[in-house]
PDB file of all heavy atoms in Angstrom:
ATOM      1  N   GLY A   1      17.867  11.921   7.406  1.00  0.00           N
ATOM      2  CA  GLY A   1      17.871  13.309   6.955  1.00  0.00           C
ATOM      3  C   GLY A   1      16.491  13.874   6.719  1.00  0.00           C
ATOM      4  O   GLY A   1      16.349  14.896   6.036  1.00  0.00           O
ATOM      5  N   LEU A   2      15.464  13.225   7.281  1.00  0.00           N
ATOM      6  CA  LEU A   2      14.083  13.674   7.072  1.00  0.00           C
ATOM      7  C   LEU A   2      13.459  14.041   8.414  1.00  0.00           C
ATOM      8  O   LEU A   2      14.008  13.764   9.481  1.00  0.00           O
ATOM      9  CB  LEU A   2      13.275  12.574   6.379  1.00  0.00           C
ATOM     10  CG  LEU A   2      13.837  12.089   5.027  1.00  0.00           C
ATOM     11  CD1 LEU A   2      13.083  10.867   4.549  1.00  0.00           C
ATOM     12  CD2 LEU A   2      13.782  13.211   3.992  1.00  0.00           C
ATOM     13  N   GLU A   3      12.281  14.622   8.332  1.00  0.00           N
ATOM     14  CA  GLU A   3      11.582  15.057   9.540  1.00  0.00           C
ATOM     15  C   GLU A   3      10.357  14.175   9.761  1.00  0.00           C
ATOM     16  O   GLU A   3       9.515  14.033   8.871  1.00  0.00           O
ATOM     17  CB  GLU A   3      11.157  16.522   9.405  1.00  0.00           C
ATOM     18  CG  GLU A   3      10.521  17.112  10.651  1.00  0.00           C
ATOM     19  CD  GLU A   3      11.474  17.163  11.833  1.00  0.00           C
ATOM     20  OE1 GLU A   3      12.709  17.255  11.613  1.00  0.00           O
ATOM     21  OE2 GLU A   3      10.989  17.101  12.974  1.00  0.00           O
ATOM     22  N   PRO A   4      10.254  13.551  10.965  1.00  0.00           N
ATOM     23  CA  PRO A   4       9.075  12.720  11.247  1.00  0.00           C
ATOM     24  C   PRO A   4       7.788  13.522  11.149  1.00  0.00           C
ATOM     25  O   PRO A   4       7.747  14.713  11.491  1.00  0.00           O
ATOM     26  CB  PRO A   4       9.320  12.236  12.682  1.00  0.00           C
ATOM     27  CG  PRO A   4      10.782  12.413  12.920  1.00  0.00           C
ATOM     28  CD  PRO A   4      11.198  13.573  12.087  1.00  0.00           C
ATOM     29  N   TYR A   5       6.743  12.855  10.650  1.00  0.00           N
ATOM     30  CA  TYR A   5       5.389  13.394  10.526  1.00  0.00           C
ATOM     31  C   TYR A   5       5.260  14.450   9.415  1.00  0.00           C
ATOM     32  O   TYR A   5       4.181  14.638   8.882  1.00  0.00           O
ATOM     33  CB  TYR A   5       4.891  13.993  11.853  1.00  0.00           C
ATOM     34  CG  TYR A   5       4.998  13.042  13.006  1.00  0.00           C
ATOM     35  CD1 TYR A   5       5.999  13.186  13.964  1.00  0.00           C
ATOM     36  CD2 TYR A   5       4.122  11.961  13.129  1.00  0.00           C
ATOM     37  CE1 TYR A   5       6.116  12.306  15.026  1.00  0.00           C
ATOM     38  CE2 TYR A   5       4.232  11.072  14.191  1.00  0.00           C
ATOM     39  CZ  TYR A   5       5.231  11.243  15.136  1.00  0.00           C
ATOM     40  OH  TYR A   5       5.355  10.370  16.175  1.00  0.00           O
ATOM     41  N   ARG A   6       6.392  15.117   9.080  1.00  0.00           N
ATOM     42  CA  ARG A   6       6.330  16.075   7.983  1.00  0.00           C
ATOM     43  C   ARG A   6       6.753  15.414   6.671  1.00  0.00           C
ATOM     44  O   ARG A   6       6.018  15.413   5.692  1.00  0.00           O
ATOM     45  CB  ARG A   6       7.229  17.278   8.268  1.00  0.00           C
ATOM     46  CG  ARG A   6       7.112  18.399   7.218  1.00  0.00           C
ATOM     47  CD  ARG A   6       8.209  19.440   7.407  1.00  0.00           C
ATOM     48  NE  ARG A   6       9.530  18.901   7.063  1.00  0.00           N
ATOM     49  CZ  ARG A   6      10.684  19.505   7.324  1.00  0.00           C
ATOM     50  NH1 ARG A   6      10.671  20.673   7.964  1.00  0.00           N
ATOM     51  NH2 ARG A   6      11.827  18.962   6.967  1.00  0.00           N
ATOM     52  N   ASP A   7       7.969  14.842   6.650  1.00  0.00           N
ATOM     53  CA  ASP A   7       8.471  14.181   5.440  1.00  0.00           C
ATOM     54  C   ASP A   7       8.021  12.722   5.357  1.00  0.00           C
ATOM     55  O   ASP A   7       7.774  12.203   4.258  1.00  0.00           O
ATOM     56  CB  ASP A   7      10.000  14.235   5.393  1.00  0.00           C
ATOM     57  CG  ASP A   7      10.524  15.660   5.387  1.00  0.00           C
ATOM     58  OD1 ASP A   7       9.907  16.502   4.714  1.00  0.00           O
ATOM     59  OD2 ASP A   7      11.538  15.928   6.054  1.00  0.00           O
ATOM     60  N   VAL A   8       7.963  12.064   6.507  1.00  0.00           N
ATOM     61  CA  VAL A   8       7.544  10.655   6.551  1.00  0.00           C
ATOM     62  C   VAL A   8       6.473  10.514   7.619  1.00  0.00           C
ATOM     63  O   VAL A   8       6.747  10.686   8.808  1.00  0.00           O
ATOM     64  CB  VAL A   8       8.730   9.718   6.866  1.00  0.00           C
ATOM     65  CG1 VAL A   8       8.254   8.267   6.905  1.00  0.00           C
ATOM     66  CG2 VAL A   8       9.850   9.883   5.849  1.00  0.00           C
ATOM     67  N   PRO A   9       5.247  10.193   7.247  1.00  0.00           N
ATOM     68  CA  PRO A   9       4.179  10.019   8.242  1.00  0.00           C
ATOM     69  C   PRO A   9       4.413   8.761   9.091  1.00  0.00           C
ATOM     70  O   PRO A   9       5.053   7.806   8.655  1.00  0.00           O
ATOM     71  CB  PRO A   9       2.913   9.872   7.391  1.00  0.00           C
ATOM     72  CG  PRO A   9       3.289  10.348   6.021  1.00  0.00           C
ATOM     73  CD  PRO A   9       4.751  10.073   5.868  1.00  0.00           C
ATOM     74  N   ILE A  10       3.894   8.791  10.310  1.00  0.00           N
ATOM     75  CA  ILE A  10       3.866   7.608  11.172  1.00  0.00           C
ATOM     76  C   ILE A  10       2.402   7.318  11.474  1.00  0.00           C
ATOM     77  O   ILE A  10       1.687   8.164  12.009  1.00  0.00           O
ATOM     78  CB  ILE A  10       4.652   7.830  12.469  1.00  0.00           C
ATOM     79  CG1 ILE A  10       6.140   8.078  12.157  1.00  0.00           C
ATOM     80  CG2 ILE A  10       4.508   6.629  13.395  1.00  0.00           C
ATOM     81  CD1 ILE A  10       6.990   8.374  13.377  1.00  0.00           C
ATOM     82  N   VAL A  11       1.956   6.123  11.104  1.00  0.00           N
ATOM     83  CA  VAL A  11       0.551   5.742  11.223  1.00  0.00           C
ATOM     84  C   VAL A  11       0.417   4.687  12.314  1.00  0.00           C
ATOM     85  O   VAL A  11       1.176   3.709  12.351  1.00  0.00           O
ATOM     86  CB  VAL A  11       0.021   5.188   9.883  1.00  0.00           C
ATOM     87  CG1 VAL A  11      -1.426   4.733  10.030  1.00  0.00           C
ATOM     88  CG2 VAL A  11       0.151   6.238   8.787  1.00  0.00           C
ATOM     89  N   PHE A  12      -0.562   4.862  13.212  1.00  0.00           N
ATOM     90  CA  PHE A  12      -0.807   3.898  14.288  1.00  0.00           C
ATOM     91  C   PHE A  12      -1.938   2.968  13.854  1.00  0.00           C
ATOM     92  O   PHE A  12      -3.040   3.408  13.534  1.00  0.00           O
ATOM     93  CB  PHE A  12      -1.160   4.632  15.581  1.00  0.00           C
ATOM     94  CG  PHE A  12      -0.042   5.516  16.063  1.00  0.00           C
ATOM     95  CD1 PHE A  12      -0.087   6.893  15.862  1.00  0.00           C
ATOM     96  CD2 PHE A  12       1.064   4.965  16.708  1.00  0.00           C
ATOM     97  CE1 PHE A  12       0.947   7.712  16.283  1.00  0.00           C
ATOM     98  CE2 PHE A  12       2.100   5.781  17.140  1.00  0.00           C
ATOM     99  CZ  PHE A  12       2.054   7.142  16.938  1.00  0.00           C
ATOM    100  N   THR A  13      -1.640   1.656  13.851  1.00  0.00           N
ATOM    101  CA  THR A  13      -2.552   0.673  13.269  1.00  0.00           C
ATOM    102  C   THR A  13      -3.287  -0.174  14.294  1.00  0.00           C
ATOM    103  O   THR A  13      -4.191  -0.919  13.942  1.00  0.00           O
ATOM    104  CB  THR A  13      -1.771  -0.268  12.338  1.00  0.00           C
ATOM    105  OG1 THR A  13      -0.745  -0.946  13.099  1.00  0.00           O
ATOM    106  CG2 THR A  13      -1.121   0.500  11.194  1.00  0.00           C
ATOM    107  N   GLY A  14      -2.928  -0.089  15.567  1.00  0.00           N
ATOM    108  CA  GLY A  14      -3.534  -0.939  16.584  1.00  0.00           C
ATOM    109  C   GLY A  14      -2.734  -2.224  16.778  1.00  0.00           C
ATOM    110  O   GLY A  14      -2.084  -2.714  15.851  1.00  0.00           O
ATOM    111  N   LEU A  15      -2.773  -2.760  17.980  1.00  0.00           N
ATOM    112  CA  LEU A  15      -2.030  -3.987  18.286  1.00  0.00           C
ATOM    113  C   LEU A  15      -2.499  -5.127  17.395  1.00  0.00           C
ATOM    114  O   LEU A  15      -3.700  -5.303  17.157  1.00  0.00           O
ATOM    115  CB  LEU A  15      -2.208  -4.364  19.755  1.00  0.00           C
ATOM    116  CG  LEU A  15      -1.553  -3.421  20.777  1.00  0.00           C
ATOM    117  CD1 LEU A  15      -1.931  -3.854  22.190  1.00  0.00           C
ATOM    118  CD2 LEU A  15      -0.046  -3.412  20.615  1.00  0.00           C
ATOM    119  N   ARG A  16      -1.539  -5.910  16.909  1.00  0.00           N
ATOM    120  CA  ARG A  16      -1.853  -7.053  16.065  1.00  0.00           C
ATOM    121  C   ARG A  16      -2.249  -8.251  16.913  1.00  0.00           C
ATOM    122  O   ARG A  16      -2.012  -8.259  18.138  1.00  0.00           O
ATOM    123  CB  ARG A  16      -0.638  -7.391  15.190  1.00  0.00           C
ATOM    124  CG  ARG A  16      -0.241  -6.268  14.233  1.00  0.00           C
ATOM    125  CD  ARG A  16       1.010  -6.617  13.446  1.00  0.00           C
ATOM    126  NE  ARG A  16       2.153  -6.796  14.330  1.00  0.00           N
ATOM    127  CZ  ARG A  16       3.366  -7.156  13.901  1.00  0.00           C
ATOM    128  NH1 ARG A  16       3.573  -7.389  12.614  1.00  0.00           N
ATOM    129  NH2 ARG A  16       4.357  -7.300  14.756  1.00  0.00           N
ATOM    130  N   PRO A  17      -2.824  -9.273  16.304  1.00  0.00           N
ATOM    131  CA  PRO A  17      -3.223 -10.464  17.067  1.00  0.00           C
ATOM    132  C   PRO A  17      -2.048 -11.054  17.841  1.00  0.00           C
ATOM    133  O   PRO A  17      -0.982 -11.296  17.287  1.00  0.00           O
ATOM    134  CB  PRO A  17      -3.703 -11.434  15.977  1.00  0.00           C
ATOM    135  CG  PRO A  17      -4.145 -10.556  14.858  1.00  0.00           C
ATOM    136  CD  PRO A  17      -3.228  -9.372  14.889  1.00  0.00           C
ATOM    137  N   GLY A  18      -2.256 -11.266  19.119  1.00  0.00           N
ATOM    138  CA  GLY A  18      -1.241 -11.900  19.954  1.00  0.00           C
ATOM    139  C   GLY A  18      -0.214 -10.962  20.535  1.00  0.00           C
ATOM    140  O   GLY A  18       0.649 -11.387  21.308  1.00  0.00           O
ATOM    141  N   GLU A  19      -0.278  -9.664  20.203  1.00  0.00           N
ATOM    142  CA  GLU A  19       0.746  -8.731  20.660  1.00  0.00           C
ATOM    143  C   GLU A  19       0.367  -8.101  21.994  1.00  0.00           C
ATOM    144  O   GLU A  19      -0.799  -7.853  22.285  1.00  0.00           O
ATOM    145  CB  GLU A  19       0.959  -7.619  19.630  1.00  0.00           C
ATOM    146  CG  GLU A  19       1.819  -8.020  18.456  1.00  0.00           C
ATOM    147  CD  GLU A  19       2.250  -6.821  17.650  1.00  0.00           C
ATOM    148  OE1 GLU A  19       1.449  -5.870  17.526  1.00  0.00           O
ATOM    149  OE2 GLU A  19       3.365  -6.838  17.132  1.00  0.00           O
ATOM    150  N   LYS A  20       1.407  -7.789  22.789  1.00  0.00           N
ATOM    151  CA  LYS A  20       1.242  -7.060  24.035  1.00  0.00           C
ATOM    152  C   LYS A  20       1.661  -5.605  23.842  1.00  0.00           C
ATOM    153  O   LYS A  20       2.420  -5.286  22.928  1.00  0.00           O
ATOM    154  CB  LYS A  20       2.141  -7.647  25.129  1.00  0.00           C
ATOM    155  CG  LYS A  20       1.834  -9.052  25.582  1.00  0.00           C
ATOM    156  CD  LYS A  20       2.844  -9.411  26.673  1.00  0.00           C
ATOM    157  CE  LYS A  20       2.696 -10.838  27.122  1.00  0.00           C
ATOM    158  NZ  LYS A  20       3.722 -11.177  28.142  1.00  0.00           N
ATOM    159  N   LEU A  21       1.192  -4.764  24.749  1.00  0.00           N
ATOM    160  CA  LEU A  21       1.640  -3.380  24.752  1.00  0.00           C
ATOM    161  C   LEU A  21       3.074  -3.300  25.281  1.00  0.00           C
ATOM    162  O   LEU A  21       3.919  -2.579  24.749  1.00  0.00           O
ATOM    163  CB  LEU A  21       0.708  -2.522  25.619  1.00  0.00           C
ATOM    164  CG  LEU A  21       0.807  -1.002  25.439  1.00  0.00           C
ATOM    165  CD1 LEU A  21       0.478  -0.598  24.013  1.00  0.00           C
ATOM    166  CD2 LEU A  21      -0.115  -0.306  26.431  1.00  0.00           C
ATOM    167  N   HIS A  22       3.346  -4.063  26.337  1.00  0.00           N
ATOM    168  CA  HIS A  22       4.683  -4.087  26.945  1.00  0.00           C
ATOM    169  C   HIS A  22       5.084  -5.544  27.181  1.00  0.00           C
ATOM    170  O   HIS A  22       4.290  -6.330  27.692  1.00  0.00           O
ATOM    171  CB  HIS A  22       4.705  -3.331  28.273  1.00  0.00           C
ATOM    172  CG  HIS A  22       4.131  -1.953  28.202  1.00  0.00           C
ATOM    173  ND1 HIS A  22       4.740  -0.927  27.504  1.00  0.00           N
ATOM    174  CD2 HIS A  22       2.990  -1.436  28.732  1.00  0.00           C
ATOM    175  CE1 HIS A  22       4.008   0.161  27.611  1.00  0.00           C
ATOM    176  NE2 HIS A  22       2.938  -0.120  28.346  1.00  0.00           N
ATOM    177  N   GLU A  23       6.335  -5.882  26.834  1.00  0.00           N
ATOM    178  CA  GLU A  23       6.848  -7.220  27.083  1.00  0.00           C
ATOM    179  C   GLU A  23       7.424  -7.307  28.494  1.00  0.00           C
ATOM    180  O   GLU A  23       7.749  -6.298  29.126  1.00  0.00           O
ATOM    181  CB  GLU A  23       7.925  -7.594  26.051  1.00  0.00           C
ATOM    182  CG  GLU A  23       7.403  -7.706  24.629  1.00  0.00           C
ATOM    183  CD  GLU A  23       6.504  -8.911  24.405  1.00  0.00           C
ATOM    184  OE1 GLU A  23       6.294  -9.692  25.353  1.00  0.00           O
ATOM    185  OE2 GLU A  23       5.998  -9.066  23.291  1.00  0.00           O
ATOM    186  N   GLU A  24       7.552  -8.543  28.989  1.00  0.00           N
ATOM    187  CA  GLU A  24       8.105  -8.792  30.313  1.00  0.00           C
ATOM    188  C   GLU A  24       9.251  -9.788  30.191  1.00  0.00           C
ATOM    189  O   GLU A  24       9.294 -10.583  29.256  1.00  0.00           O
ATOM    190  CB  GLU A  24       7.033  -9.363  31.239  1.00  0.00           C
ATOM    191  CG  GLU A  24       5.794  -8.486  31.350  1.00  0.00           C
ATOM    192  CD  GLU A  24       4.615  -9.258  31.917  1.00  0.00           C
ATOM    193  OE1 GLU A  24       3.918  -9.923  31.134  1.00  0.00           O
ATOM    194  OE2 GLU A  24       4.424  -9.197  33.144  1.00  0.00           O
TER     195      GLU A  24
END
């Protein structure tokens, strides 16, 4: 019942150690 970015922010933190952008 909330609005993204207005009521709840979304923060981009960067890929963590060992993570891929896309899985296969």
